[in-house]
Amino acid sequence: MNFFNKLYRFTSSWTGTIIIVLFLIFFVVQSFVIPSGSMKRTMQIGDFLFAKKFSYGIPTPMLPWFNIKLVPDFNNNGHLIEGPKPQREDIVIFLYPMDGKTHFVKRCVATGGDEIIYQDKHLYIHFTEGDEYIRTNYPSEKIKKFRDKLWVDNPYMDKYPGIQYEPTTRTAFENLIGLPNDMSPVYVKELGPVLYTSRSGIDMNAFYKKVEEDDYYMIGDNRDNSSDSRFWGAVPYRNVIGKPWFIYFSFDSETKTVRWDRLGTFVDDIQYEQPRY
């Protein structure tokens, strides 16, 4: 009884409260806000959410706002305790590989060994498990054959209604042609005529990428309005932080209103629903 009294007094003190809060931030949950429209329709700008930091192991603790590691990276993989790795289809919170500080939220579309062919409005993936895996797990109408193997066209769009391509605006495919990116220009005759000649003189109608082992290709659900792995590369495990958990507040800055219907919703549930506008 004496122990519990001391524990109660400690947790009720300022010191105890700070230690408990820091423990939760370092190892359990952390608050994030969605700053951009790259996941629009699945997650909206102004969604405030808690992230599960234990979904993929325990990231090396860092001082909030300063991104200073509090302990050495003993495992040399950005995690104090290694855990499960991101899976295809997961929505993942991670540190932007170009600076290692900014938090991004995207969907993992491919993992190590997977091959990607990207064309306007189409994301073709050849999964590393091979053709038989693809035949077994995907309907024939979504499967195409080229480069002597099977590819799945937009494999996740039927499952997650929030994934979209913009019908009218400048597309990510056009941006890839004019901007530095992580993909190689290729010509695939089964995908139609030559569309462009790259700056290196390659006739092309698509872009290609094979994901490096132990890396994860992250692309926003708002496919034509997302700065993602197509532009700056795959995400290594060391940059993975966790998974979005639930939305505790949501504010629409354009209409200056609270999105009451999103409060208390779990991201794992809302991603399967028709988008809430």
Protein backbone atom coordinates (compact mmCIF):
# COMPACT_ATOMS: atom_id res chain seq x y z
CA MET A 1 0.00 0.00 0.00
CA ASN A 2 2.87 2.33 0.82
CA PHE A 3 4.34 1.70 -2.66
CA PHE A 4 1.11 2.70 -4.39
CA ASN A 5 0.82 5.84 -2.27
CA LYS A 6 4.34 6.85 -3.27
CA LEU A 7 3.57 6.03 -6.91
CA TYR A 8 0.41 8.14 -6.79
CA ARG A 9 2.26 11.09 -5.26
CA PHE A 10 5.01 10.77 -7.87
CA THR A 11 2.63 10.63 -10.85
CA SER A 12 0.70 13.58 -9.41
CA SER A 13 3.82 15.74 -9.21
CA TRP A 14 5.14 17.95 -11.99
CA THR A 15 8.24 15.79 -12.29
CA GLY A 16 6.21 12.60 -12.55
CA THR A 17 3.83 14.12 -15.09
CA ILE A 18 6.71 15.29 -17.30
CA ILE A 19 8.42 11.88 -17.14
CA ILE A 20 5.18 10.08 -18.04
CA VAL A 21 4.48 12.45 -20.94
CA LEU A 22 8.03 12.07 -22.29
CA PHE A 23 7.79 8.29 -21.97
CA LEU A 24 4.60 8.29 -24.02
CA ILE A 25 6.10 10.61 -26.66
CA PHE A 26 9.34 8.63 -26.92
CA PHE A 27 7.92 5.11 -26.94
CA VAL A 28 4.13 4.95 -27.36
CA VAL A 29 2.27 7.75 -29.14
CA GLN A 30 3.02 11.13 -30.65
CA SER A 31 0.83 13.83 -32.08
CA PHE A 32 1.09 14.87 -35.75
CA VAL A 33 -0.81 17.18 -38.02
CA ILE A 34 -1.36 16.58 -41.75
CA PRO A 35 0.22 19.65 -43.41
CA SER A 36 -0.30 18.92 -47.12
CA GLY A 37 -2.75 17.36 -49.55
CA SER A 38 -0.61 14.39 -50.60
CA MET A 39 -2.97 11.97 -48.78
CA LYS A 40 -6.09 14.03 -49.53
CA ARG A 41 -9.37 12.10 -49.44
CA THR A 42 -7.85 9.47 -47.13
CA MET A 43 -6.45 12.07 -44.71
CA GLN A 44 -7.21 15.75 -44.98
CA ILE A 45 -5.08 18.86 -44.45
CA GLY A 46 -5.69 19.89 -40.85
CA ASP A 47 -6.24 16.40 -39.46
CA PHE A 48 -4.60 16.15 -36.04
CA LEU A 49 -3.79 12.57 -35.21
CA PHE A 50 -1.94 10.33 -32.82
CA ALA A 51 0.64 7.94 -34.24
CA LYS A 52 1.54 4.52 -32.86
CA LYS A 53 5.30 4.68 -32.45
CA PHE A 54 5.55 0.99 -31.57
CA SER A 55 4.12 -0.37 -34.84
CA TYR A 56 7.53 -1.02 -36.41
CA GLY A 57 9.68 -1.32 -33.32
CA ILE A 58 10.72 1.56 -31.05
CA PRO A 59 12.45 4.45 -32.87
CA THR A 60 15.57 5.85 -31.22
CA PRO A 61 14.23 8.50 -28.79
CA MET A 62 14.67 12.06 -30.00
CA LEU A 63 14.08 15.35 -28.22
CA PRO A 64 10.81 16.74 -29.62
CA TRP A 65 11.08 19.82 -31.87
CA PHE A 66 14.89 19.65 -31.89
CA ASN A 67 15.37 16.17 -33.44
CA ILE A 68 18.33 15.47 -31.17
CA LYS A 69 18.94 11.79 -30.39
CA LEU A 70 18.84 11.16 -26.65
CA VAL A 71 20.70 7.85 -26.89
CA PRO A 72 23.11 6.47 -29.51
CA ASP A 73 21.71 4.48 -32.42
CA PHE A 74 22.98 1.19 -31.00
CA ASN A 75 21.48 -0.95 -33.79
CA ASN A 76 22.49 1.42 -36.58
CA ASN A 77 18.96 1.28 -37.97
CA GLY A 78 17.24 4.20 -36.26
CA HIS A 79 15.46 1.96 -33.74
CA LEU A 80 16.13 1.27 -30.11
CA ILE A 81 14.18 -1.97 -30.47
CA GLU A 82 13.79 -3.48 -33.93
CA GLY A 83 10.29 -4.59 -34.86
CA PRO A 84 8.07 -5.58 -37.78
CA LYS A 85 8.78 -3.83 -41.08
CA PRO A 86 6.26 -1.79 -43.10
CA GLN A 87 4.07 -3.87 -45.36
CA ARG A 88 2.58 -3.02 -48.73
CA GLU A 89 -0.62 -0.98 -48.30
CA ASP A 90 0.40 0.37 -44.86
CA ILE A 91 0.07 4.11 -44.25
CA VAL A 92 3.40 5.01 -42.66
CA ILE A 93 4.81 8.02 -40.80
CA PHE A 94 8.50 8.46 -41.52
CA LEU A 95 11.28 11.03 -41.62
CA TYR A 96 11.87 12.64 -45.01
CA PRO A 97 15.06 10.96 -46.31
CA MET A 98 16.45 14.20 -47.73
CA ASP A 99 16.78 15.89 -44.32
CA GLY A 100 16.05 13.16 -41.74
CA LYS A 101 13.91 15.60 -39.73
CA THR A 102 10.60 16.41 -41.41
CA HIS A 103 7.73 13.99 -40.76
CA PHE A 104 5.93 12.67 -43.84
CA VAL A 105 2.86 10.45 -44.15
CA LYS A 106 2.42 8.24 -47.25
CA ARG A 107 1.26 4.78 -48.26
CA CYS A 108 3.82 2.02 -48.74
CA VAL A 109 3.17 0.72 -52.27
CA ALA A 110 6.22 -1.52 -52.73
CA THR A 111 8.96 -3.16 -50.69
CA GLY A 112 12.46 -4.46 -51.41
CA GLY A 113 12.73 -6.38 -54.68
CA ASP A 114 9.41 -5.13 -56.11
CA GLU A 115 9.53 -3.51 -59.55
CA ILE A 116 7.47 -0.47 -60.53
CA ILE A 117 6.47 0.88 -63.91
CA TYR A 118 4.76 4.26 -63.66
CA GLN A 119 2.78 5.83 -66.46
CA ASP A 120 0.25 8.64 -66.31
CA LYS A 121 -2.70 7.41 -64.18
CA HIS A 122 -1.19 3.91 -63.91
CA LEU A 123 1.10 2.41 -61.28
CA TYR A 124 2.13 -1.08 -62.41
CA ILE A 125 3.84 -3.29 -59.85
CA HIS A 126 5.58 -6.63 -60.32
CA PHE A 127 5.80 -8.10 -56.83
CA THR A 128 8.98 -9.89 -55.94
CA GLU A 129 7.03 -13.08 -55.11
CA GLY A 130 6.56 -13.54 -58.86
CA ASP A 131 3.90 -14.28 -61.46
CA GLU A 132 2.12 -17.08 -59.60
CA TYR A 133 1.62 -14.83 -56.56
CA ILE A 134 0.13 -12.18 -58.82
CA ARG A 135 -2.25 -14.64 -60.55
CA THR A 136 -3.40 -15.95 -57.17
CA ASN A 137 -3.97 -12.61 -55.46
CA TYR A 138 -5.22 -10.23 -58.17
CA PRO A 139 -8.09 -10.36 -60.68
CA SER A 140 -7.17 -11.00 -64.30
CA GLU A 141 -8.56 -7.64 -65.46
CA LYS A 142 -5.90 -5.83 -63.40
CA ILE A 143 -2.99 -7.93 -64.70
CA LYS A 144 -0.89 -7.04 -67.74
CA LYS A 145 2.08 -8.84 -69.22
CA PHE A 146 5.13 -7.02 -70.52
CA ARG A 147 8.88 -7.34 -70.10
CA ASP A 148 8.26 -11.10 -69.89
CA LYS A 149 6.51 -10.90 -66.51
CA LEU A 150 3.15 -10.01 -64.97
CA TRP A 151 2.30 -6.59 -63.55
CA VAL A 152 -0.69 -5.38 -61.54
CA ASP A 153 -2.23 -2.08 -62.63
CA ASN A 154 -3.02 0.24 -59.69
CA PRO A 155 -3.23 -2.72 -57.26
CA TYR A 156 -4.64 -0.78 -54.30
CA MET A 157 -7.21 1.56 -55.84
CA ASP A 158 -10.17 -0.83 -55.59
CA LYS A 159 -9.48 -1.45 -51.92
CA TYR A 160 -8.88 2.12 -50.72
CA PRO A 161 -11.39 4.65 -52.15
CA GLY A 162 -9.21 7.60 -51.17
CA ILE A 163 -6.54 6.79 -53.77
CA GLN A 164 -7.06 9.10 -56.74
CA TYR A 165 -5.59 10.66 -59.86
CA GLU A 166 -6.56 14.21 -60.78
CA PRO A 167 -8.42 14.32 -64.12
CA THR A 168 -7.51 17.87 -65.15
CA THR A 169 -4.48 19.28 -63.34
CA ARG A 170 -0.83 18.86 -64.30
CA THR A 171 0.07 15.31 -63.40
CA ALA A 172 2.92 13.78 -61.43
CA PHE A 173 3.95 11.96 -64.61
CA GLU A 174 4.50 15.30 -66.38
CA ASN A 175 6.40 16.60 -63.37
CA LEU A 176 8.67 13.55 -63.39
CA ILE A 177 9.63 14.35 -66.97
CA GLY A 178 10.75 17.86 -66.09
CA LEU A 179 12.14 17.43 -62.57
CA PRO A 180 14.92 15.39 -60.94
CA ASN A 181 13.46 12.08 -59.81
CA ASP A 182 14.23 8.56 -58.58
CA MET A 183 12.92 6.65 -61.61
CA SER A 184 14.48 5.71 -64.95
CA PRO A 185 12.79 6.57 -68.27
CA VAL A 186 11.82 3.47 -70.27
CA TYR A 187 9.85 2.51 -73.34
CA VAL A 188 7.34 -0.34 -72.95
CA LYS A 189 5.76 -1.13 -76.31
CA GLU A 190 2.69 -2.76 -74.71
CA LEU A 191 1.87 0.57 -73.03
CA GLY A 192 1.52 2.54 -76.24
CA PRO A 193 3.57 4.85 -78.43
CA VAL A 194 6.62 6.89 -77.49
CA LEU A 195 5.44 9.92 -75.53
CA TYR A 196 8.68 11.81 -74.93
CA THR A 197 12.39 11.67 -75.52
CA SER A 198 14.23 12.10 -72.24
CA ARG A 199 17.05 14.58 -71.72
CA SER A 200 19.45 11.66 -72.02
CA GLY A 201 18.01 10.83 -75.45
CA ILE A 202 15.91 7.81 -74.41
CA ASP A 203 12.54 7.32 -76.12
CA MET A 204 10.06 6.73 -73.32
CA ASN A 205 6.44 6.29 -72.35
CA ALA A 206 6.94 5.31 -68.70
CA PHE A 207 9.29 5.33 -65.71
CA TYR A 208 10.87 2.29 -64.04
CA LYS A 209 12.17 1.53 -60.56
CA LYS A 210 13.29 -1.59 -58.70
CA VAL A 211 13.06 -1.02 -54.96
CA GLU A 212 16.27 -1.65 -53.06
CA GLU A 213 16.30 -4.41 -50.44
CA ASP A 214 15.12 -3.29 -46.99
CA ASP A 215 13.69 -0.07 -48.46
CA TYR A 216 10.07 1.02 -48.83
CA TYR A 217 8.48 2.96 -51.68
CA MET A 218 6.10 5.56 -50.28
CA ILE A 219 3.53 7.30 -52.51
CA GLY A 220 0.68 9.62 -51.52
CA ASP A 221 -2.91 8.57 -52.17
CA ASN A 222 -3.38 11.86 -54.01
CA ARG A 223 -1.18 10.45 -56.76
CA ASP A 224 -0.90 13.55 -58.96
CA ASN A 225 -0.23 15.96 -56.07
CA SER A 226 2.32 14.25 -53.90
CA SER A 227 6.02 14.74 -53.32
CA ASP A 228 7.04 11.16 -52.65
CA SER A 229 9.44 8.31 -53.44
CA ARG A 230 8.95 8.81 -57.18
CA PHE A 231 10.88 12.07 -56.81
CA TRP A 232 13.32 11.54 -53.94
CA GLY A 233 13.68 7.80 -53.50
CA ALA A 234 12.74 4.91 -51.26
CA VAL A 235 12.60 5.18 -47.48
CA PRO A 236 15.01 3.07 -45.40
CA TYR A 237 13.84 1.38 -42.19
CA ARG A 238 15.94 3.78 -40.11
CA ASN A 239 13.56 6.61 -41.13
CA VAL A 240 10.35 4.76 -40.24
CA ILE A 241 8.53 6.19 -37.20
CA GLY A 242 5.14 4.48 -36.94
CA LYS A 243 1.56 4.31 -38.15
CA PRO A 244 -1.26 6.86 -37.95
CA TRP A 245 -3.68 5.75 -35.26
CA PHE A 246 -6.74 7.99 -34.83
CA ILE A 247 -7.82 11.54 -35.56
CA TYR A 248 -8.49 13.55 -32.40
CA PHE A 249 -9.19 16.89 -34.10
CA SER A 250 -9.70 18.13 -37.65
CA PHE A 251 -9.91 21.72 -38.84
CA ASP A 252 -10.70 22.96 -42.35
CA SER A 253 -8.63 26.13 -42.79
CA GLU A 254 -10.54 27.16 -45.94
CA THR A 255 -14.00 27.16 -44.37
CA LYS A 256 -12.71 27.84 -40.83
CA THR A 257 -14.80 24.98 -39.47
CA VAL A 258 -14.19 21.87 -37.41
CA ARG A 259 -14.78 18.61 -39.26
CA TRP A 260 -16.81 17.04 -36.48
CA ASP A 261 -17.46 13.81 -38.39
CA ARG A 262 -13.72 13.00 -38.44
CA LEU A 263 -13.12 13.36 -34.71
CA GLY A 264 -12.36 10.06 -33.02
CA THR A 265 -12.07 8.12 -36.29
CA PHE A 266 -9.38 5.47 -36.68
CA VAL A 267 -7.22 5.73 -39.79
CA ASP A 268 -7.26 1.95 -40.23
CA ASP A 269 -11.06 2.21 -40.57
CA ILE A 270 -11.48 5.47 -42.44
CA GLN A 271 -9.17 4.43 -45.28
CA TYR A 272 -11.73 1.81 -46.35
CA GLU A 273 -14.65 4.27 -46.39
CA GLN A 274 -15.81 6.57 -49.15
CA PRO A 275 -13.92 9.85 -48.64
CA ARG A 276 -15.39 12.40 -46.25
CA TYR A 277 -15.14 15.88 -47.69
